[in-house]
Protein backbone atom coordinates (compact mmCIF):
# COMPACT_ATOMS: atom_id res chain seq x y z
CA UNK A 1 20.78 -8.15 -69.96
CA UNK A 2 17.72 -9.26 -71.90
CA UNK A 3 14.92 -10.60 -69.72
CA UNK A 4 12.45 -13.23 -70.95
CA UNK A 5 9.26 -14.08 -69.10
CA UNK A 6 7.19 -17.24 -69.22
CA UNK A 7 4.78 -19.18 -67.02
CA UNK A 8 4.43 -17.92 -63.46
CA UNK A 9 6.93 -15.09 -64.04
CA UNK A 10 4.75 -13.75 -66.84
CA UNK A 11 1.67 -14.02 -64.62
CA UNK A 12 3.47 -12.08 -61.89
CA UNK A 13 4.56 -9.42 -64.39
CA UNK A 14 0.98 -9.04 -65.62
CA UNK A 15 -0.36 -8.63 -62.08
CA UNK A 16 2.10 -5.82 -61.38
CA UNK A 17 1.73 -4.06 -64.74
CA UNK A 18 -2.08 -4.32 -64.67
CA UNK A 19 -2.03 -2.60 -61.28
CA UNK A 20 0.35 0.05 -62.61
CA UNK A 21 -1.91 0.58 -65.63
CA UNK A 22 -4.81 1.24 -63.28
CA UNK A 23 -2.81 4.14 -61.86
CA UNK A 24 -1.39 5.50 -65.13
CA UNK A 25 -1.70 3.37 -68.24
CA UNK A 26 0.35 5.72 -70.46
CA UNK A 27 3.33 5.65 -68.09
CA UNK A 28 3.07 1.86 -67.84
CA UNK A 29 2.96 1.21 -71.60
CA UNK A 30 5.72 3.76 -72.30
CA UNK A 31 7.96 2.17 -69.66
CA UNK A 32 7.43 -1.33 -71.07
CA UNK A 33 8.02 -0.06 -74.60
CA UNK A 34 11.24 1.77 -73.73
CA UNK A 35 12.63 -1.24 -71.82
CA UNK A 36 11.75 -3.52 -74.73
CA UNK A 37 13.23 -1.17 -77.35
CA UNK A 38 16.41 -0.89 -75.27
CA UNK A 39 16.75 -4.68 -75.34
CA UNK A 40 16.32 -4.97 -71.58
CA UNK A 41 13.00 -6.80 -71.79
CA UNK A 42 11.61 -9.30 -74.31
CA UNK A 43 7.88 -8.87 -74.64
CA UNK A 44 5.63 -11.64 -75.99
CA UNK A 45 5.33 -11.48 -79.78
CA UNK A 46 1.79 -10.13 -79.72
CA UNK A 47 2.95 -7.16 -77.63
CA UNK A 48 5.86 -6.11 -79.87
CA UNK A 49 3.74 -3.15 -81.02
CA UNK A 50 4.33 -1.66 -77.54
CA UNK A 51 8.04 -1.26 -78.38
CA UNK A 52 7.24 0.79 -81.50
CA UNK A 53 8.39 4.38 -81.12
CA UNK A 54 5.04 5.49 -82.54
CA UNK A 55 3.32 3.86 -79.57
CA UNK A 56 6.00 4.98 -77.09
CA UNK A 57 5.85 8.53 -78.43
CA UNK A 58 2.04 8.65 -78.28
CA UNK A 59 2.09 7.34 -74.71
CA UNK A 60 4.73 9.88 -73.67
CA UNK A 61 2.65 12.71 -75.16
CA UNK A 62 -0.49 11.44 -73.40
CA UNK A 63 1.47 10.93 -70.18
CA UNK A 64 2.64 14.56 -70.36
CA UNK A 65 -0.95 15.73 -70.90
CA UNK A 66 -2.14 13.57 -68.01
CA UNK A 67 0.70 14.84 -65.80
CA UNK A 68 -0.68 18.37 -66.04
CA UNK A 69 -4.39 17.56 -66.46
CA UNK A 70 -4.35 15.47 -63.29
CA UNK A 71 -3.30 18.53 -61.29
CA UNK A 72 -5.90 21.02 -62.54
CA UNK A 73 -8.81 21.36 -60.09
CA UNK A 74 -12.19 20.23 -61.52
CA UNK A 75 -10.65 19.09 -64.82
CA UNK A 76 -8.82 16.27 -63.01
CA UNK A 77 -12.23 14.90 -61.98
CA UNK A 78 -13.42 14.72 -65.59
CA UNK A 79 -10.07 13.28 -66.71
CA UNK A 80 -10.06 10.47 -64.13
CA UNK A 81 -13.74 9.67 -64.67
CA UNK A 82 -13.16 9.26 -68.43
CA UNK A 83 -10.02 7.20 -67.83
CA UNK A 84 -12.04 4.54 -66.07
CA UNK A 85 -12.86 3.52 -69.66
CA UNK A 86 -9.24 3.75 -70.83
CA UNK A 87 -7.07 2.23 -68.09
CA UNK A 88 -9.22 -0.85 -67.50
CA UNK A 89 -9.72 -1.90 -71.18
CA UNK A 90 -6.05 -1.29 -72.06
CA UNK A 91 -4.90 -3.39 -69.10
CA UNK A 92 -7.22 -6.15 -70.33
CA UNK A 93 -5.83 -5.88 -73.87
CA UNK A 94 -2.23 -6.09 -72.63
CA UNK A 95 -3.01 -9.18 -70.55
CA UNK A 96 -4.84 -10.74 -73.50
CA UNK A 97 -1.93 -10.06 -75.87
CA UNK A 98 0.72 -11.24 -73.43
CA UNK A 99 -0.95 -14.66 -73.14
CA UNK A 100 -1.38 -15.31 -76.88
CA UNK A 101 0.41 -18.65 -76.51
CA UNK A 102 -2.36 -19.93 -74.21
CA UNK A 103 -5.81 -21.25 -75.10
CA UNK A 104 -8.53 -18.70 -75.96
CA UNK A 105 -10.24 -19.50 -72.66
CA UNK A 106 -7.08 -18.76 -70.66
CA UNK A 107 -6.49 -15.60 -72.70
CA UNK A 108 -9.98 -14.40 -71.84
CA UNK A 109 -9.41 -15.26 -68.19
CA UNK A 110 -6.12 -13.33 -68.24
CA UNK A 111 -7.83 -10.32 -69.83
CA UNK A 112 -10.57 -10.37 -67.19
CA UNK A 113 -7.99 -10.64 -64.42
CA UNK A 114 -5.98 -7.75 -65.90
CA UNK A 115 -9.14 -5.64 -66.13
CA UNK A 116 -10.14 -6.47 -62.55
CA UNK A 117 -6.69 -5.62 -61.19
CA UNK A 118 -6.57 -2.33 -63.12
CA UNK A 119 -10.09 -1.47 -61.93
CA UNK A 120 -9.05 -2.15 -58.33
CA UNK A 121 -6.01 0.12 -58.70
CA UNK A 122 -8.07 2.83 -60.39
CA UNK A 123 -10.74 2.54 -57.70
CA UNK A 124 -8.17 2.72 -54.91
CA UNK A 125 -6.57 5.76 -56.54
CA UNK A 126 -9.99 7.40 -56.82
CA UNK A 127 -10.83 6.68 -53.19
CA UNK A 128 -7.62 8.30 -51.98
CA UNK A 129 -8.23 11.24 -54.32
CA UNK A 130 -11.76 11.63 -52.91
CA UNK A 131 -10.25 12.01 -49.46
CA UNK A 132 -7.50 14.43 -50.51
CA UNK A 133 -8.97 16.55 -53.34
CA UNK A 134 -11.51 18.53 -51.24
CA UNK A 135 -8.58 20.05 -49.35
CA UNK A 136 -8.38 23.77 -50.26
CA UNK A 137 -4.59 23.75 -50.65
CA UNK A 138 -3.29 22.33 -53.96
CA UNK A 139 0.00 20.87 -52.72
CA UNK A 140 -1.38 17.57 -51.36
CA UNK A 141 -3.23 16.83 -54.61
CA UNK A 142 -0.16 17.62 -56.72
CA UNK A 143 2.07 15.44 -54.54
CA UNK A 144 -0.46 12.59 -54.64
CA UNK A 145 -0.70 12.79 -58.44
CA UNK A 146 3.09 12.83 -58.81
CA UNK A 147 3.35 9.90 -56.40
CA UNK A 148 0.91 7.86 -58.50
CA UNK A 149 3.06 8.49 -61.59
CA UNK A 150 6.21 7.43 -59.74
CA UNK A 151 4.52 4.24 -58.46
CA UNK A 152 3.25 3.35 -61.96
CA UNK A 153 6.69 3.74 -63.55
CA UNK A 154 8.57 2.28 -60.57
CA UNK A 155 6.34 -0.76 -60.20
CA UNK A 156 6.51 -1.48 -63.93
CA UNK A 157 10.30 -1.26 -63.94
CA UNK A 158 10.59 -3.27 -60.70
CA UNK A 159 8.33 -5.95 -62.19
CA UNK A 160 10.82 -6.53 -65.01
CA UNK A 161 13.54 -7.18 -62.41
CA UNK A 162 11.61 -8.85 -59.61
CA UNK A 163 8.23 -10.02 -60.96
CA UNK A 164 7.25 -12.06 -57.89
CA UNK A 165 8.08 -9.29 -55.41
CA UNK A 166 6.27 -6.67 -57.51
CA UNK A 167 3.24 -8.96 -57.88
CA UNK A 168 3.28 -9.42 -54.11
CA UNK A 169 3.23 -5.64 -53.61
CA UNK A 170 0.32 -5.31 -56.03
CA UNK A 171 -1.62 -8.14 -54.36
CA UNK A 172 -1.19 -6.60 -50.89
CA UNK A 173 -2.49 -3.27 -52.23
CA UNK A 174 -5.41 -5.03 -53.95
CA UNK A 175 -6.34 -6.79 -50.68
CA UNK A 176 -6.36 -3.44 -48.89
CA UNK A 177 -8.58 -1.97 -51.64
CA UNK A 178 -10.97 -4.96 -51.51
CA UNK A 179 -11.28 -4.58 -47.73
CA UNK A 180 -12.19 -0.93 -48.31
CA UNK A 181 -14.40 -1.75 -51.33
CA UNK A 182 -17.46 0.09 -50.01
CA UNK A 183 -15.38 3.24 -49.66
CA UNK A 184 -13.91 2.70 -53.14
CA UNK A 185 -17.32 2.43 -54.84
CA UNK A 186 -18.60 5.43 -52.89
CA UNK A 187 -15.54 7.37 -54.11
CA UNK A 188 -16.14 6.27 -57.74
CA UNK A 189 -19.78 7.39 -57.58
CA UNK A 190 -18.68 10.70 -56.07
CA UNK A 191 -16.04 11.11 -58.81
CA UNK A 192 -18.58 10.69 -61.62
CA UNK A 193 -21.09 12.96 -59.87
CA UNK A 194 -18.51 15.71 -59.38
CA UNK A 195 -17.21 15.22 -62.95
CA UNK A 196 -20.76 15.75 -64.26
CA UNK A 197 -21.07 18.90 -62.13
CA UNK A 198 -17.72 20.16 -63.43
CA UNK A 199 -18.78 19.59 -67.06
CA UNK A 200 -22.17 21.20 -66.47
CA UNK A 201 -20.66 24.22 -64.74
């Protein structure tokens, strides 16, 4: 079954995938690319590059690197701090490309919304990490990292089947993150501070 998205369905898909990208952008892009290449999903014309096996392959390699890097104490701090500048811009670019049939103003608005959603997801992820990472045992951090990967892939796949439901899940999580925004920003500052300490060590 080939799935086409337009209008509100596309908006719902973008909300869910932008949130997933904030958790793990490589897993999100690879999942979209594989589904598109398999003929399950029809991406907007400007996003056809995502279904290229060069892009899918690069994302799978980077996802594999992230899978292990995200579980190495100290290095995971540097990795996540740097990926603030990867996950958010790429989510914005995907939203911008997916709305190429709209006016430039609406494209820009979509890109800003995609960036904001990805930033919220990344911030929420960081806040939870800030609470868990100091624990001396490694198991909780490994399980949390693996859970983030599963959510990113699962939410992206679910969005292609049930865009409104997946967007609803993302919106509920965003509301929770916004309510805890002070904690999120404190966690982001702590992440960058600890990343700087890890690099300087």
